[in-house]
Amino acid sequence: MIKVYNEVVKKQKNFWNGCLFHPTDAIEDDWGKRILDQIAEDGACHTVRIYTMFEDIVSLDGDGNLRFDFSLSDLRMDYLTEKGYNLLLAYGGMPDCIAREDCGKSSAAKGKTRYKGKMWNTSPPKTPEIWEEVCYQYTKHIVERYGVERVNGWYCQCFNEPDIPTFFMANEPLDTMRRVEEYVSMYEGFVNGIRRAGTSIAVGGPTLAQSMFFLENFLKAIKEKNLEINYLTMHFYGTDPAYLNTGDGGVSAWGNLDRQRPKIDIIKKCGFGDTPIIADEWGASSMGFFNKDECKFLMFRETEINAAYFVRFIYFLIRSGLNIKNLLICLSGQHEMTEDFSGFRNFFTLNFIKKPIYNAYILASKLHENVLRCSTDILTAHPMQGDEVTVIPTKDDNGKYAVLLCYGEGNFLIPAEDKEETLVFDEDISDKTVTIWCIDKAHTNPYRLAQKMGWNELTQEQIEILREEGNLKPIRVCKGDEPITLKLTAGATFLITVE
């Protein structure tokens, strides 16, 4: 039996409904708009991270002076703001005309080029001053266009993953002081440029991929230089396809959090323990441009497992005591799809069939701010051991409940035994209405339905059936005096509302 007590243990604002929309320039295209329209309509994400794509904005005139054309940027930003999204803006990439050297460009994609052939220039800028001016002019423009009050509610961060050659200094080895120093110089110019345009705009970095050497030395440098930082950004990935292929890694939400602890220790050691953290990319596994071609285990991204992982990850982050400001899933790989189900890291399939992870986002958006005590709370047990029910019970100030739960082994790739659980409330709910949603092998699961039916190359009729299967709908509506019995299968996610 799972018992929910009418006792608030924590006030928790929703930090989990956010995404990195990638590629940014798909906002210009019908398929990108379709995705963003659906997310906005369903309320699945409140915050969207994009790249500013300075390469589309900045050029030099015949005399070598900076020129700015914001037309493409305005098109993208206007669309996002009209849809009501809050924004996290990653200041990058590096325009060729202000790059210091040809130190290598990156595709950061499964194919040989990025979307629309735009490669990522990994060079530092020619001078700190020119980078500062670009950051200033861009920030000044968005303040003038969207208003200082709105922009003050956004987040601005410097570049992306400067600690690895994929995005910064392609020919520079990992974990060198030169790499840190070049980025610190960029970060200083970024802060100075933004502050010239607005005194209350949130600034942050380093948008860390993985390097603890880089993180520690970056934090030491900005402390020594007394550079402002309003939040720290880093990427939260639970495992890597290489580990999945060798059997050395599992699909574990606890493992993801555990993987971040050394970084958190460094942050505290360097005196930034009170600084909010934005996980501006997260995923159960890294390598969004990989799919089943590189790792067959990535097919979990199509299934109920990814949904349950998300729910459990929210639970652990709420309970961790970390000051998490935002958690944004990375939707990379969207433009690389050639079939509906192949293990890419995104919300929708090629033919716009909703995946379980997307519907988990819709369910999670219904949670309230008052987190309640529950009989299943994990206090001392190691969450990697054995199967478990993970419960996030919440209530609003008007007495409405929303209880989100998932079930499965600590490593979701290991199947858990089926079982039944009954959910009960400390408060009398007999006169209220209970609504139950479910994502499991048999509900709201287009991939599992296609598997069951033996559908491979989908017909239009089959696509329509799978689209309907992906539409989230309650499996039961009843009065509160009826037993709330849940049939739990491996990787199952449930939302129970009482109102």
Protein backbone atom coordinates (compact mmCIF):
# COMPACT_ATOMS: atom_id res chain seq x y z
CA MET A 1 0.00 0.00 0.00
CA ILE A 2 1.15 3.51 -0.86
CA LYS A 3 -0.09 6.12 1.59
CA VAL A 4 -0.05 9.85 0.88
CA TYR A 5 -0.15 12.04 3.99
CA ASN A 6 -1.65 15.50 4.13
CA GLU A 7 1.69 16.90 5.30
CA VAL A 8 3.84 19.29 3.25
CA VAL A 9 7.54 18.40 3.39
CA LYS A 10 8.73 20.90 0.78
CA LYS A 11 7.63 23.76 -1.43
CA GLN A 12 8.99 23.03 -4.88
CA LYS A 13 8.48 25.11 -7.99
CA ASN A 14 8.44 23.24 -11.28
CA PHE A 15 12.03 23.14 -12.56
CA TRP A 16 11.64 20.04 -14.75
CA ASN A 17 9.49 21.11 -17.72
CA GLY A 18 12.11 22.53 -20.05
CA CYS A 19 13.94 21.54 -23.24
CA LEU A 20 16.82 22.40 -25.54
CA PHE A 21 15.27 22.78 -28.97
CA HIS A 22 17.82 21.57 -31.49
CA PRO A 23 18.63 22.49 -34.18
CA THR A 24 17.76 26.11 -33.40
CA ASP A 25 17.28 27.02 -37.05
CA ALA A 26 14.49 24.46 -37.41
CA ILE A 27 12.32 27.15 -35.80
CA GLU A 28 12.25 28.66 -39.29
CA ASP A 29 10.75 25.50 -40.78
CA ASP A 30 7.30 23.93 -40.73
CA TRP A 31 8.47 20.74 -39.03
CA GLY A 32 10.15 22.71 -36.24
CA LYS A 33 7.13 24.95 -35.76
CA ARG A 34 4.90 21.89 -35.58
CA ILE A 35 6.91 20.52 -32.67
CA LEU A 36 7.00 23.82 -30.81
CA ASP A 37 3.28 24.39 -31.44
CA GLN A 38 2.42 21.02 -29.92
CA ILE A 39 4.69 21.52 -26.91
CA ALA A 40 3.12 24.92 -26.24
CA GLU A 41 -0.43 23.62 -26.70
CA ASP A 42 0.15 20.78 -24.23
CA GLY A 43 2.15 22.86 -21.76
CA ALA A 44 4.89 20.24 -21.89
CA CYS A 45 7.74 22.79 -21.58
CA HIS A 46 7.80 26.28 -20.11
CA THR A 47 11.48 27.03 -20.84
CA VAL A 48 13.29 26.51 -24.15
CA ARG A 49 17.04 26.74 -24.68
CA ILE A 50 18.36 27.80 -28.09
CA TYR A 51 21.65 28.99 -29.55
CA THR A 52 21.83 32.66 -30.47
CA MET A 53 23.62 31.59 -33.68
CA PHE A 54 25.83 34.65 -33.98
CA GLU A 55 27.10 33.19 -37.26
CA ASP A 56 23.76 34.27 -38.80
CA ILE A 57 23.98 37.76 -37.31
CA VAL A 58 27.55 39.08 -37.43
CA SER A 59 29.64 40.10 -40.43
CA LEU A 60 32.29 42.71 -41.29
CA ASP A 61 31.97 45.58 -43.74
CA GLY A 62 34.65 46.55 -46.24
CA ASP A 63 36.50 48.52 -43.59
CA GLY A 64 36.52 45.65 -41.10
CA ASN A 65 33.78 47.08 -38.88
CA LEU A 66 31.15 44.85 -37.26
CA ARG A 67 27.76 44.64 -38.98
CA PHE A 68 24.65 43.08 -37.47
CA ASP A 69 21.66 41.57 -39.24
CA PHE A 70 19.12 40.30 -36.70
CA SER A 71 16.42 39.30 -39.20
CA LEU A 72 16.81 35.50 -38.87
CA SER A 73 17.28 35.74 -35.12
CA ASP A 74 14.17 37.91 -34.80
CA LEU A 75 12.14 35.38 -36.78
CA ARG A 76 13.10 32.60 -34.37
CA MET A 77 12.77 34.66 -31.20
CA ASP A 78 9.45 36.21 -32.22
CA TYR A 79 8.00 32.76 -32.78
CA LEU A 80 9.13 31.46 -29.38
CA THR A 81 7.93 34.52 -27.48
CA GLU A 82 4.56 34.49 -29.24
CA LYS A 83 4.14 30.90 -28.04
CA GLY A 84 4.78 32.04 -24.47
CA TYR A 85 8.08 30.29 -23.87
CA ASN A 86 10.64 31.52 -21.39
CA LEU A 87 14.11 31.42 -22.94
CA LEU A 88 17.60 30.29 -22.13
CA LEU A 89 19.99 31.78 -24.69
CA ALA A 90 23.35 30.14 -25.32
CA TYR A 91 25.60 32.89 -26.69
CA GLY A 92 27.33 31.19 -29.69
CA GLY A 93 28.48 30.09 -32.21
CA MET A 94 31.55 31.88 -33.36
CA PRO A 95 31.20 33.85 -36.62
CA ASP A 96 34.06 33.07 -39.01
CA CYS A 97 34.76 36.77 -39.47
CA ILE A 98 35.68 37.30 -35.81
CA ALA A 99 37.32 33.91 -35.21
CA ARG A 100 40.98 34.06 -34.26
CA GLU A 101 42.11 31.02 -36.21
CA ASP A 102 40.98 28.01 -38.17
CA CYS A 103 41.27 25.55 -35.31
CA GLY A 104 38.65 23.17 -36.66
CA LYS A 105 34.92 23.14 -37.17
CA SER A 106 32.49 20.63 -35.76
CA SER A 107 29.36 19.06 -37.17
CA ALA A 108 28.01 17.89 -33.77
CA ALA A 109 25.63 15.70 -35.73
CA LYS A 110 25.22 12.12 -36.90
CA GLY A 111 25.89 13.19 -40.48
CA LYS A 112 28.93 15.06 -41.75
CA THR A 113 27.38 18.46 -41.32
CA ARG A 114 25.02 20.32 -39.04
CA TYR A 115 21.52 21.27 -40.07
CA LYS A 116 21.48 23.37 -43.27
CA GLY A 117 25.22 22.87 -43.64
CA LYS A 118 26.15 25.28 -40.84
CA MET A 119 29.24 24.03 -39.06
CA TRP A 120 30.20 25.06 -35.52
CA ASN A 121 33.36 27.18 -35.46
CA THR A 122 35.37 26.10 -32.39
CA SER A 123 37.81 29.03 -32.40
CA PRO A 124 38.08 31.67 -29.67
CA PRO A 125 37.39 35.24 -30.87
CA LYS A 126 40.16 37.40 -32.34
CA THR A 127 40.06 39.64 -29.27
CA PRO A 128 38.08 39.75 -26.03
CA GLU A 129 36.86 43.22 -27.01
CA ILE A 130 35.22 42.07 -30.25
CA TRP A 131 33.42 39.25 -28.43
CA GLU A 132 32.23 41.69 -25.76
CA GLU A 133 30.87 44.00 -28.46
CA VAL A 134 28.96 41.16 -30.15
CA CYS A 135 27.43 40.13 -26.80
CA TYR A 136 26.54 43.76 -26.07
CA GLN A 137 24.93 44.47 -29.44
CA TYR A 138 22.90 41.26 -29.34
CA THR A 139 21.68 41.87 -25.79
CA LYS A 140 20.90 45.51 -26.54
CA HIS A 141 18.83 44.38 -29.51
CA ILE A 142 16.73 41.83 -27.61
CA VAL A 143 16.14 44.30 -24.77
CA GLU A 144 14.90 46.90 -27.25
CA ARG A 145 12.76 44.36 -29.12
CA TYR A 146 11.23 42.39 -26.25
CA GLY A 147 11.50 44.75 -23.31
CA VAL A 148 13.81 44.73 -20.34
CA GLU A 149 11.23 43.15 -18.02
CA ARG A 150 10.81 40.11 -20.25
CA VAL A 151 14.53 39.70 -20.94
CA ASN A 152 15.26 39.94 -17.20
CA GLY A 153 13.20 36.75 -16.83
CA TRP A 154 15.34 34.89 -19.36
CA TYR A 155 18.73 33.22 -18.85
CA CYS A 156 21.86 34.07 -20.84
CA GLN A 157 24.81 31.69 -20.86
CA CYS A 158 28.24 31.84 -22.46
CA PHE A 159 28.86 29.41 -25.32
CA ASN A 160 28.38 25.61 -25.11
CA GLU A 161 30.61 22.86 -23.73
CA PRO A 162 33.91 24.81 -23.82
CA ASP A 163 35.60 21.98 -21.92
CA ILE A 164 35.56 19.60 -24.91
CA PRO A 165 36.92 19.93 -28.47
CA THR A 166 33.51 19.26 -30.05
CA PHE A 167 32.49 22.87 -29.45
CA PHE A 168 35.61 24.79 -28.40
CA MET A 169 39.23 24.70 -29.56
CA ALA A 170 38.98 21.50 -31.59
CA ASN A 171 42.77 21.00 -31.68
CA GLU A 172 43.38 21.73 -28.01
CA PRO A 173 43.65 18.69 -25.70
CA LEU A 174 41.23 18.22 -22.83
CA ASP A 175 42.07 19.57 -19.38
CA THR A 176 44.62 22.24 -20.24
CA MET A 177 44.87 25.64 -18.59
CA ARG A 178 44.98 27.27 -22.03
CA ARG A 179 41.48 25.97 -22.73
CA VAL A 180 40.25 27.34 -19.38
CA GLU A 181 41.95 30.71 -19.83
CA GLU A 182 40.52 31.24 -23.30
CA TYR A 183 37.01 30.51 -22.06
CA VAL A 184 37.39 32.69 -18.96
CA SER A 185 38.38 35.55 -21.26
CA MET A 186 35.24 34.92 -23.32
CA TYR A 187 33.10 34.69 -20.19
CA GLU A 188 34.44 38.02 -18.94
CA GLY A 189 33.60 39.68 -22.26
CA PHE A 190 30.18 38.04 -22.23
CA VAL A 191 29.36 39.40 -18.77
CA ASN A 192 30.70 42.87 -19.54
CA GLY A 193 28.79 43.04 -22.82
CA ILE A 194 25.51 42.01 -21.25
CA ARG A 195 25.94 44.36 -18.31
CA ARG A 196 26.35 47.27 -20.71
CA ALA A 197 22.87 46.43 -22.02
CA GLY A 198 21.11 45.55 -18.77
CA THR A 199 21.97 45.40 -15.08
CA SER A 200 19.52 42.65 -14.06
CA ILE A 201 19.82 40.11 -16.87
CA ALA A 202 20.76 36.65 -15.55
CA VAL A 203 24.24 35.55 -16.67
CA GLY A 204 25.80 32.13 -16.31
CA GLY A 205 28.18 29.42 -17.49
CA PRO A 206 30.25 27.39 -18.09
CA THR A 207 27.76 25.06 -19.82
CA LEU A 208 29.98 22.18 -18.79
CA ALA A 209 30.01 18.89 -20.64
CA GLN A 210 32.08 16.78 -18.26
CA SER A 211 35.51 18.06 -17.20
CA MET A 212 35.97 18.58 -13.47
CA PHE A 213 39.43 20.04 -14.12
CA PHE A 214 37.83 22.69 -16.30
CA LEU A 215 35.03 23.37 -13.82
CA GLU A 216 37.33 23.84 -10.84
CA ASN A 217 39.76 26.13 -12.65
CA PHE A 218 36.95 28.15 -14.23
CA LEU A 219 35.38 28.75 -10.82
CA LYS A 220 38.73 29.69 -9.27
CA ALA A 221 39.37 32.16 -12.09
CA ILE A 222 36.03 33.94 -11.94
CA LYS A 223 36.30 34.16 -8.17
CA GLU A 224 39.75 35.69 -8.45
CA LYS A 225 38.53 38.12 -11.12
CA ASN A 226 35.30 38.79 -9.18
CA LEU A 227 33.20 38.05 -12.27
CA GLU A 228 29.45 37.90 -11.80
CA ILE A 229 27.69 34.55 -12.19
CA ASN A 230 24.00 34.20 -11.34
CA TYR A 231 23.73 30.48 -12.00
CA LEU A 232 25.94 27.58 -13.02
CA THR A 233 25.10 25.55 -16.12
CA MET A 234 26.15 21.97 -16.71
CA HIS A 235 24.96 18.88 -18.51
CA PHE A 236 23.40 15.96 -16.63
CA TYR A 237 23.78 12.71 -18.57
CA GLY A 238 23.35 9.39 -16.83
CA THR A 239 25.44 7.16 -19.06
CA ASP A 240 27.08 6.92 -22.47
CA PRO A 241 26.36 4.53 -25.39
CA ALA A 242 29.92 3.20 -25.09
CA TYR A 243 29.18 2.01 -21.54
CA LEU A 244 25.85 0.53 -22.58
CA ASN A 245 27.55 -1.40 -25.38
CA THR A 246 30.16 -2.90 -23.04
CA GLY A 247 27.66 -3.62 -20.27
CA ASP A 248 29.42 -1.23 -17.87
CA GLY A 249 26.52 1.21 -17.65
CA GLY A 250 22.83 0.97 -16.88
CA VAL A 251 19.85 3.23 -17.34
CA SER A 252 19.66 4.56 -13.79
CA ALA A 253 18.26 7.88 -12.59
CA TRP A 254 20.19 7.48 -9.35
CA GLY A 255 23.33 6.85 -11.39
CA ASN A 256 22.76 10.14 -13.20
CA LEU A 257 22.59 12.10 -9.96
CA ASP A 258 25.56 10.18 -8.56
CA ARG A 259 27.55 11.12 -11.67
CA GLN A 260 27.02 14.81 -10.85
CA ARG A 261 28.15 14.64 -7.23
CA PRO A 262 31.89 15.21 -7.89
CA LYS A 263 30.99 18.40 -9.78
CA ILE A 264 28.76 19.52 -6.91
CA ASP A 265 31.62 18.88 -4.49
CA ILE A 266 33.91 21.10 -6.59
CA ILE A 267 31.26 23.84 -6.73
CA LYS A 268 30.97 23.81 -2.94
CA LYS A 269 34.73 23.67 -2.43
CA CYS A 270 35.21 26.72 -4.65
CA GLY A 271 32.66 28.72 -2.67
CA PHE A 272 29.69 28.57 -5.05
CA GLY A 273 27.50 26.20 -3.05
CA ASP A 274 24.63 28.69 -2.91
CA THR A 275 24.66 29.43 -6.65
CA PRO A 276 21.62 27.98 -8.46
CA ILE A 277 22.28 25.21 -10.99
CA ILE A 278 20.68 24.88 -14.40
CA ALA A 279 20.99 21.45 -16.00
CA ASP A 280 20.65 22.96 -19.45
CA GLU A 281 20.92 19.53 -21.07
CA TRP A 282 19.87 16.24 -19.55
CA GLY A 283 19.31 12.74 -20.82
CA ALA A 284 19.39 9.18 -19.55
CA SER A 285 22.24 8.77 -22.03
CA SER A 286 24.47 11.23 -23.82
CA MET A 287 24.95 11.30 -27.60
CA GLY A 288 21.61 12.55 -28.89
CA PHE A 289 22.83 12.00 -32.45
CA PHE A 290 23.34 8.29 -31.78
CA ASN A 291 20.56 5.78 -32.21
CA LYS A 292 20.26 2.00 -32.53
CA ASP A 293 22.90 2.06 -35.30
CA GLU A 294 25.56 2.86 -32.71
CA CYS A 295 23.93 1.26 -29.66
CA LYS A 296 20.95 -1.08 -29.69
CA PHE A 297 20.17 -0.27 -26.05
CA LEU A 298 19.23 3.30 -27.03
CA MET A 299 15.87 1.93 -28.13
CA PHE A 300 14.81 2.58 -24.52
CA ARG A 301 14.29 6.17 -25.70
CA GLU A 302 11.21 4.96 -27.61
CA THR A 303 9.66 3.15 -24.66
CA GLU A 304 8.04 3.51 -21.27
CA ILE A 305 11.52 3.25 -19.67
CA ASN A 306 12.47 6.80 -20.66
CA ALA A 307 9.24 8.15 -19.16
CA ALA A 308 9.75 6.32 -15.86
CA TYR A 309 13.39 7.42 -15.74
CA PHE A 310 12.31 11.05 -16.04
CA VAL A 311 9.85 10.72 -13.15
CA ARG A 312 12.42 9.06 -10.92
CA PHE A 313 15.04 11.66 -11.83
CA ILE A 314 12.67 14.48 -10.79
CA TYR A 315 12.12 12.69 -7.47
CA PHE A 316 15.84 12.35 -6.77
CA LEU A 317 16.54 15.98 -7.69
CA ILE A 318 13.73 17.24 -5.44
CA ARG A 319 15.09 15.13 -2.57
CA SER A 320 18.76 15.91 -3.27
CA GLY A 321 18.77 19.35 -1.67
CA LEU A 322 20.45 20.79 -4.76
CA ASN A 323 19.34 24.24 -5.85
CA ILE A 324 18.17 23.18 -9.32
CA LYS A 325 16.73 26.13 -11.21
CA ASN A 326 15.91 24.36 -14.48
CA LEU A 327 16.18 20.92 -16.04
CA LEU A 328 16.10 20.88 -19.84
CA ILE A 329 16.00 17.73 -21.93
CA CYS A 330 18.14 17.91 -25.07
CA LEU A 331 16.06 17.26 -28.20
CA SER A 332 19.00 16.68 -30.52
CA GLY A 333 18.77 14.26 -33.41
CA GLN A 334 15.38 15.57 -34.51
CA HIS A 335 16.48 16.32 -38.07
CA GLU A 336 18.42 13.05 -38.46
CA MET A 337 15.46 10.65 -38.40
CA THR A 338 14.76 8.38 -41.38
CA GLU A 339 12.22 6.10 -39.66
CA ASP A 340 9.79 6.37 -36.78
CA PHE A 341 11.41 4.21 -34.11
CA SER A 342 15.19 4.07 -34.03
CA GLY A 343 16.31 5.36 -30.63
CA PHE A 344 16.90 9.07 -31.18
CA ARG A 345 16.59 11.46 -28.23
CA ASN A 346 13.45 13.47 -28.98
CA PHE A 347 9.75 13.92 -28.20
CA PHE A 348 8.20 12.91 -31.53
CA THR A 349 8.93 10.33 -34.21
CA LEU A 350 9.52 11.03 -37.90
CA ASN A 351 5.77 10.98 -38.59
CA PHE A 352 4.97 13.05 -35.50
CA ILE A 353 3.91 10.22 -33.21
CA LYS A 354 4.22 11.20 -29.54
CA LYS A 355 6.74 9.20 -27.55
CA PRO A 356 6.25 8.10 -23.91
CA ILE A 357 8.89 10.62 -22.74
CA TYR A 358 6.81 13.44 -24.21
CA ASN A 359 3.66 12.31 -22.44
CA ALA A 360 5.65 12.00 -19.21
CA TYR A 361 6.46 15.69 -19.60
CA ILE A 362 2.76 16.48 -19.90
CA LEU A 363 2.00 14.46 -16.77
CA ALA A 364 4.85 16.08 -14.83
CA SER A 365 3.57 19.54 -15.76
CA LYS A 366 0.45 18.81 -13.67
CA LEU A 367 2.36 18.49 -10.38
CA HIS A 368 1.69 21.12 -7.70
CA GLU A 369 4.15 23.08 -5.55
CA ASN A 370 3.40 21.45 -2.18
CA VAL A 371 5.32 18.16 -2.00
CA LEU A 372 3.75 15.79 0.53
CA ARG A 373 5.04 13.02 2.76
CA CYS A 374 4.54 9.51 1.45
CA SER A 375 4.99 6.02 2.91
CA THR A 376 7.40 5.05 0.12
CA ASP A 377 9.89 7.89 0.67
CA ILE A 378 13.45 6.64 0.24
CA LEU A 379 15.52 7.87 3.15
CA THR A 380 18.37 5.42 3.75
CA ALA A 381 18.04 2.63 1.17
CA HIS A 382 20.34 2.75 -1.83
CA PRO A 383 18.02 3.35 -4.78
CA MET A 384 20.08 1.14 -7.11
CA GLN A 385 19.18 -1.98 -5.16
CA GLY A 386 16.03 -3.90 -6.02
CA ASP A 387 12.79 -2.79 -7.59
CA GLU A 388 10.89 0.13 -6.23
CA VAL A 389 7.93 2.44 -6.51
CA THR A 390 8.97 6.09 -6.69
CA VAL A 391 6.22 8.54 -5.72
CA ILE A 392 6.00 12.33 -6.03
CA PRO A 393 2.82 13.33 -4.14
CA THR A 394 1.78 16.99 -4.44
CA LYS A 395 -1.12 19.22 -3.54
CA ASP A 396 -2.12 22.78 -4.42
CA ASP A 397 -3.44 25.41 -2.03
CA ASN A 398 -7.03 24.63 -3.08
CA GLY A 399 -6.85 21.01 -1.99
CA LYS A 400 -6.25 19.36 -5.38
CA TYR A 401 -3.84 16.42 -5.46
CA ALA A 402 -1.49 15.31 -8.25
CA VAL A 403 0.52 12.16 -7.52
CA LEU A 404 3.13 11.09 -10.06
CA LEU A 405 4.76 7.69 -9.65
CA CYS A 406 6.89 5.18 -11.54
CA TYR A 407 7.95 1.59 -10.99
CA GLY A 408 11.03 -0.41 -11.95
CA GLU A 409 14.46 -1.65 -11.03
CA GLY A 410 17.21 0.80 -10.15
CA ASN A 411 18.64 -0.09 -13.55
CA PHE A 412 15.60 0.12 -15.80
CA LEU A 413 17.17 -2.26 -18.34
CA ILE A 414 16.58 -5.05 -15.83
CA PRO A 415 12.89 -6.03 -15.90
CA ALA A 416 11.01 -5.78 -12.59
CA GLU A 417 8.33 -8.24 -11.52
CA ASP A 418 4.71 -7.19 -12.05
CA LYS A 419 2.79 -6.29 -8.91
CA GLU A 420 -0.28 -4.47 -7.63
CA GLU A 421 -0.29 -1.46 -5.34
CA THR A 422 -3.15 0.43 -3.74
CA LEU A 423 -2.91 4.18 -3.33
CA VAL A 424 -4.62 5.69 -0.31
CA PHE A 425 -4.82 9.21 1.08
CA ASP A 426 -4.63 10.30 4.69
CA GLU A 427 -7.41 12.78 3.93
CA ASP A 428 -10.97 11.67 3.17
CA ILE A 429 -11.41 12.02 -0.62
CA SER A 430 -14.65 10.06 -0.93
CA ASP A 431 -16.58 13.03 -2.36
CA LYS A 432 -13.90 13.92 -4.92
CA THR A 433 -13.11 12.78 -8.46
CA VAL A 434 -10.06 10.61 -9.11
CA THR A 435 -8.48 10.53 -12.59
CA ILE A 436 -5.72 8.08 -13.52
CA TRP A 437 -3.32 8.34 -16.46
CA CYS A 438 -0.84 5.60 -17.35
CA ILE A 439 2.22 5.09 -19.55
CA ASP A 440 3.36 1.47 -19.60
CA LYS A 441 3.82 -1.37 -22.05
CA ALA A 442 0.09 -1.48 -22.79
CA HIS A 443 -0.95 2.19 -22.51
CA THR A 444 0.10 5.34 -24.37
CA ASN A 445 2.97 3.49 -26.02
CA PRO A 446 3.09 3.63 -29.84
CA TYR A 447 6.39 1.73 -30.15
CA ARG A 448 5.15 -1.20 -28.06
CA LEU A 449 1.92 -1.30 -30.08
CA ALA A 450 3.87 -1.37 -33.35
CA GLN A 451 6.02 -4.18 -31.90
CA LYS A 452 2.95 -6.15 -30.84
CA MET A 453 1.32 -5.78 -34.26
CA GLY A 454 4.52 -6.59 -36.14
CA TRP A 455 4.46 -3.29 -38.02
CA ASN A 456 7.80 -2.30 -39.54
CA GLU A 457 7.44 -0.14 -42.65
CA LEU A 458 4.39 1.83 -41.58
CA THR A 459 1.42 2.54 -43.81
CA GLN A 460 -0.49 5.80 -43.45
CA GLU A 461 -3.31 3.93 -41.73
CA GLN A 462 -0.88 2.44 -39.21
CA ILE A 463 0.71 5.86 -38.61
CA GLU A 464 -2.73 7.28 -37.76
CA ILE A 465 -3.39 4.40 -35.33
CA LEU A 466 -0.04 5.00 -33.63
CA ARG A 467 -0.67 8.73 -33.44
CA GLU A 468 -3.93 8.03 -31.64
CA GLU A 469 -2.12 5.61 -29.33
CA GLY A 470 0.31 8.41 -28.45
CA ASN A 471 -2.46 10.80 -27.43
CA LEU A 472 -2.55 10.94 -23.65
CA LYS A 473 -5.93 10.11 -22.12
CA PRO A 474 -7.10 8.82 -18.72
CA ILE A 475 -7.41 5.09 -18.26
CA ARG A 476 -9.91 5.53 -15.43
CA VAL A 477 -12.12 8.21 -13.84
CA CYS A 478 -13.89 7.32 -10.59
CA LYS A 479 -15.16 8.64 -7.28
CA GLY A 480 -12.77 8.91 -4.37
CA ASP A 481 -14.59 6.25 -2.37
CA GLU A 482 -13.49 3.55 -4.83
CA PRO A 483 -10.16 1.75 -4.30
CA ILE A 484 -7.26 3.16 -6.33
CA THR A 485 -5.56 -0.05 -7.43
CA LEU A 486 -2.60 0.20 -9.80
CA LYS A 487 -1.21 -2.67 -11.83
CA LEU A 488 2.52 -1.97 -11.93
CA THR A 489 4.68 -3.36 -14.70
CA ALA A 490 8.35 -2.64 -15.36
CA GLY A 491 8.83 0.98 -16.42
CA ALA A 492 5.25 2.02 -15.67
CA THR A 493 4.37 5.66 -14.97
CA PHE A 494 1.08 6.81 -13.41
CA LEU A 495 -0.43 10.17 -12.63
CA ILE A 496 -3.36 10.24 -10.19
CA THR A 497 -5.24 13.51 -9.72
CA VAL A 498 -7.87 14.17 -7.06
CA GLU A 499 -10.08 17.24 -7.32
